[in-house]
C-alpha atoms as a PDB file:
ATOM      1  CA  UNK A   1     -14.241 -19.944 -21.098  1.00  0.00           C
ATOM      2  CA  UNK A   2     -12.034 -18.572 -18.320  1.00  0.00           C
ATOM      3  CA  UNK A   3     -10.806 -15.016 -18.342  1.00  0.00           C
ATOM      4  CA  UNK A   4      -7.142 -14.120 -17.886  1.00  0.00           C
ATOM      5  CA  UNK A   5      -6.266 -12.931 -14.386  1.00  0.00           C
ATOM      6  CA  UNK A   6      -6.712  -9.212 -13.834  1.00  0.00           C
ATOM      7  CA  UNK A   7      -3.544  -7.150 -13.743  1.00  0.00           C
ATOM      8  CA  UNK A   8      -2.379  -6.436 -10.206  1.00  0.00           C
ATOM      9  CA  UNK A   9      -3.574  -3.047  -9.069  1.00  0.00           C
ATOM     10  CA  UNK A  10      -1.388  -2.722  -5.995  1.00  0.00           C
ATOM     11  CA  UNK A  11       2.191  -3.297  -4.928  1.00  0.00           C
ATOM     12  CA  UNK A  12       2.893  -4.570  -1.425  1.00  0.00           C
ATOM     13  CA  UNK A  13       6.232  -3.400  -0.060  1.00  0.00           C
ATOM     14  CA  UNK A  14       6.942  -5.725   2.833  1.00  0.00           C
ATOM     15  CA  UNK A  15       9.040  -4.924   5.893  1.00  0.00           C
ATOM     16  CA  UNK A  16      11.232  -7.962   5.303  1.00  0.00           C
ATOM     17  CA  UNK A  17      14.500  -7.777   3.388  1.00  0.00           C
ATOM     18  CA  UNK A  18      15.418 -10.167   0.602  1.00  0.00           C
ATOM     19  CA  UNK A  19      17.739 -11.815   3.161  1.00  0.00           C
ATOM     20  CA  UNK A  20      14.719 -12.442   5.443  1.00  0.00           C
ATOM     21  CA  UNK A  21      15.499  -9.837   8.114  1.00  0.00           C
ATOM     22  CA  UNK A  22      12.902  -7.506   9.628  1.00  0.00           C
ATOM     23  CA  UNK A  23      13.415  -4.005   8.252  1.00  0.00           C
ATOM     24  CA  UNK A  24      14.164  -1.220  10.730  1.00  0.00           C
ATOM     25  CA  UNK A  25      13.229   1.319  12.017  1.00  0.00           C
ATOM     26  CA  UNK A  26       9.979  -0.151  13.244  1.00  0.00           C
ATOM     27  CA  UNK A  27       7.940   2.834  12.010  1.00  0.00           C
ATOM     28  CA  UNK A  28       9.315   2.753   8.452  1.00  0.00           C
ATOM     29  CA  UNK A  29       5.878   2.031   6.909  1.00  0.00           C
ATOM     30  CA  UNK A  30       4.220   4.996   8.601  1.00  0.00           C
ATOM     31  CA  UNK A  31       7.112   7.269   7.603  1.00  0.00           C
ATOM     32  CA  UNK A  32       7.017   6.199   3.952  1.00  0.00           C
ATOM     33  CA  UNK A  33       3.227   6.469   3.702  1.00  0.00           C
ATOM     34  CA  UNK A  34       3.389   9.828   5.489  1.00  0.00           C
ATOM     35  CA  UNK A  35       5.836  11.153   2.907  1.00  0.00           C
ATOM     36  CA  UNK A  36       3.315  10.197   0.203  1.00  0.00           C
ATOM     37  CA  UNK A  37       0.263  11.648   2.013  1.00  0.00           C
ATOM     38  CA  UNK A  38      -0.121  14.649  -0.321  1.00  0.00           C
ATOM     39  CA  UNK A  39      -0.369  12.465  -3.441  1.00  0.00           C
ATOM     40  CA  UNK A  40      -4.064  11.707  -3.583  1.00  0.00           C
ATOM     41  CA  UNK A  41      -6.833  11.749  -6.158  1.00  0.00           C
ATOM     42  CA  UNK A  42      -8.037  15.327  -6.508  1.00  0.00           C
ATOM     43  CA  UNK A  43      -4.759  16.738  -5.157  1.00  0.00           C
ATOM     44  CA  UNK A  44      -3.662  17.760  -1.699  1.00  0.00           C
ATOM     45  CA  UNK A  45      -6.267  19.346   0.524  1.00  0.00           C
ATOM     46  CA  UNK A  46      -5.530  22.579   2.313  1.00  0.00           C
ATOM     47  CA  UNK A  47      -7.332  25.152   4.374  1.00  0.00           C
ATOM     48  CA  UNK A  48      -9.510  24.914   7.435  1.00  0.00           C
ATOM     49  CA  UNK A  49     -11.129  21.621   6.398  1.00  0.00           C
ATOM     50  CA  UNK A  50      -7.804  19.848   5.826  1.00  0.00           C
ATOM     51  CA  UNK A  51      -6.798  16.986   8.057  1.00  0.00           C
ATOM     52  CA  UNK A  52      -3.744  14.809   8.441  1.00  0.00           C
ATOM     53  CA  UNK A  53      -4.096  11.407   6.872  1.00  0.00           C
ATOM     54  CA  UNK A  54      -2.543   8.922   4.509  1.00  0.00           C
ATOM     55  CA  UNK A  55      -3.187   9.028   0.802  1.00  0.00           C
ATOM     56  CA  UNK A  56      -5.505   6.207  -0.294  1.00  0.00           C
ATOM     57  CA  UNK A  57      -2.822   5.445  -2.894  1.00  0.00           C
ATOM     58  CA  UNK A  58      -0.101   4.627  -0.332  1.00  0.00           C
ATOM     59  CA  UNK A  59      -1.138   3.203   3.030  1.00  0.00           C
ATOM     60  CA  UNK A  60       0.669   1.348   5.814  1.00  0.00           C
ATOM     61  CA  UNK A  61      -0.815  -1.983   6.939  1.00  0.00           C
ATOM     62  CA  UNK A  62       0.163  -5.011   8.993  1.00  0.00           C
ATOM     63  CA  UNK A  63      -0.521  -8.220   7.081  1.00  0.00           C
ATOM     64  CA  UNK A  64       0.133 -11.566   8.740  1.00  0.00           C
ATOM     65  CA  UNK A  65       2.259  -9.785  11.348  1.00  0.00           C
ATOM     66  CA  UNK A  66       4.458  -8.050   8.740  1.00  0.00           C
ATOM     67  CA  UNK A  67       4.492  -4.287   8.304  1.00  0.00           C
ATOM     68  CA  UNK A  68       3.752  -3.346   4.700  1.00  0.00           C
ATOM     69  CA  UNK A  69       3.029  -0.341   2.562  1.00  0.00           C
ATOM     70  CA  UNK A  70       0.367  -0.895  -0.072  1.00  0.00           C
ATOM     71  CA  UNK A  71       0.935   1.321  -3.106  1.00  0.00           C
ATOM     72  CA  UNK A  72      -1.853   1.609  -5.663  1.00  0.00           C
ATOM     73  CA  UNK A  73      -0.637   1.778  -9.258  1.00  0.00           C
ATOM     74  CA  UNK A  74      -2.817   4.865  -9.739  1.00  0.00           C
ATOM     75  CA  UNK A  75       0.050   6.719  -8.020  1.00  0.00           C
ATOM     76  CA  UNK A  76       2.176   6.029 -11.113  1.00  0.00           C
ATOM     77  CA  UNK A  77      -0.389   7.812 -13.306  1.00  0.00           C
ATOM     78  CA  UNK A  78      -0.979  10.658 -10.842  1.00  0.00           C
ATOM     79  CA  UNK A  79       2.672  11.376 -10.034  1.00  0.00           C
ATOM     80  CA  UNK A  80       5.365   9.204 -11.675  1.00  0.00           C
ATOM     81  CA  UNK A  81       8.143  10.676  -9.513  1.00  0.00           C
ATOM     82  CA  UNK A  82       6.312   9.682  -6.313  1.00  0.00           C
ATOM     83  CA  UNK A  83       5.882   6.149  -7.695  1.00  0.00           C
ATOM     84  CA  UNK A  84       9.597   6.020  -8.524  1.00  0.00           C
ATOM     85  CA  UNK A  85      10.406   7.240  -5.013  1.00  0.00           C
ATOM     86  CA  UNK A  86       8.554   4.415  -3.247  1.00  0.00           C
ATOM     87  CA  UNK A  87       9.774   1.760  -5.666  1.00  0.00           C
ATOM     88  CA  UNK A  88      13.383   2.980  -5.353  1.00  0.00           C
ATOM     89  CA  UNK A  89      12.977   2.970  -1.556  1.00  0.00           C
ATOM     90  CA  UNK A  90      12.017  -0.703  -1.724  1.00  0.00           C
ATOM     91  CA  UNK A  91      14.852  -1.543  -4.117  1.00  0.00           C
ATOM     92  CA  UNK A  92      17.529   0.452  -2.259  1.00  0.00           C
ATOM     93  CA  UNK A  93      16.589  -1.192   1.051  1.00  0.00           C
ATOM     94  CA  UNK A  94      16.281  -4.647  -0.556  1.00  0.00           C
ATOM     95  CA  UNK A  95      12.686  -5.075   0.628  1.00  0.00           C
ATOM     96  CA  UNK A  96      10.430  -7.835  -0.610  1.00  0.00           C
ATOM     97  CA  UNK A  97       7.811  -6.572  -3.061  1.00  0.00           C
ATOM     98  CA  UNK A  98       4.715  -8.407  -4.291  1.00  0.00           C
ATOM     99  CA  UNK A  99       2.060  -7.404  -6.809  1.00  0.00           C
ATOM    100  CA  UNK A 100      -1.468  -8.183  -5.701  1.00  0.00           C
ATOM    101  CA  UNK A 101      -4.896  -6.730  -5.166  1.00  0.00           C
ATOM    102  CA  UNK A 102      -6.183  -6.241  -1.632  1.00  0.00           C
ATOM    103  CA  UNK A 103      -9.696  -7.631  -1.385  1.00  0.00           C
ATOM    104  CA  UNK A 104     -12.266  -5.862   0.775  1.00  0.00           C
ATOM    105  CA  UNK A 105     -13.066  -7.539   4.058  1.00  0.00           C
ATOM    106  CA  UNK A 106     -16.369  -9.424   4.039  1.00  0.00           C
ATOM    107  CA  UNK A 107     -19.151  -7.690   5.925  1.00  0.00           C
ATOM    108  CA  UNK A 108     -20.155  -9.003   9.332  1.00  0.00           C
ATOM    109  CA  UNK A 109     -23.406 -10.307   7.872  1.00  0.00           C
ATOM    110  CA  UNK A 110     -21.567 -12.331   5.239  1.00  0.00           C
ATOM    111  CA  UNK A 111     -19.102 -13.689   7.822  1.00  0.00           C
ATOM    112  CA  UNK A 112     -21.959 -15.033   9.986  1.00  0.00           C
ATOM    113  CA  UNK A 113     -23.606 -16.888   7.105  1.00  0.00           C
ATOM    114  CA  UNK A 114     -22.949 -20.592   7.062  1.00  0.00           C
ATOM    115  CA  UNK A 115     -23.914 -23.051   4.363  1.00  0.00           C
ATOM    116  CA  UNK A 116     -26.925 -25.240   5.196  1.00  0.00           C
END
């Protein structure tokens, strides 16, 4: 018996408008993810051990040559206003949005295996 598909755990905001144009400025994904950097599991880190980095809940990526921001739905639970901010950004700028789940890359050992 097959199981129903798992609910999407991530939203991909793509740097392409609904009209098919590339979204500008070219660093929009880094800017958006940077604005969300303090929203992370366990809260923002401060002090001498703090470092600058993206939240694991909102990261910029290039997928098939298209800039994207991958937003984990955990952000909605952690901080609903931050979730609304990124989703409203996508809507207001008419960006393409897809629900999916990013799969981990296969390890090098698995990639070298070939069926006999």
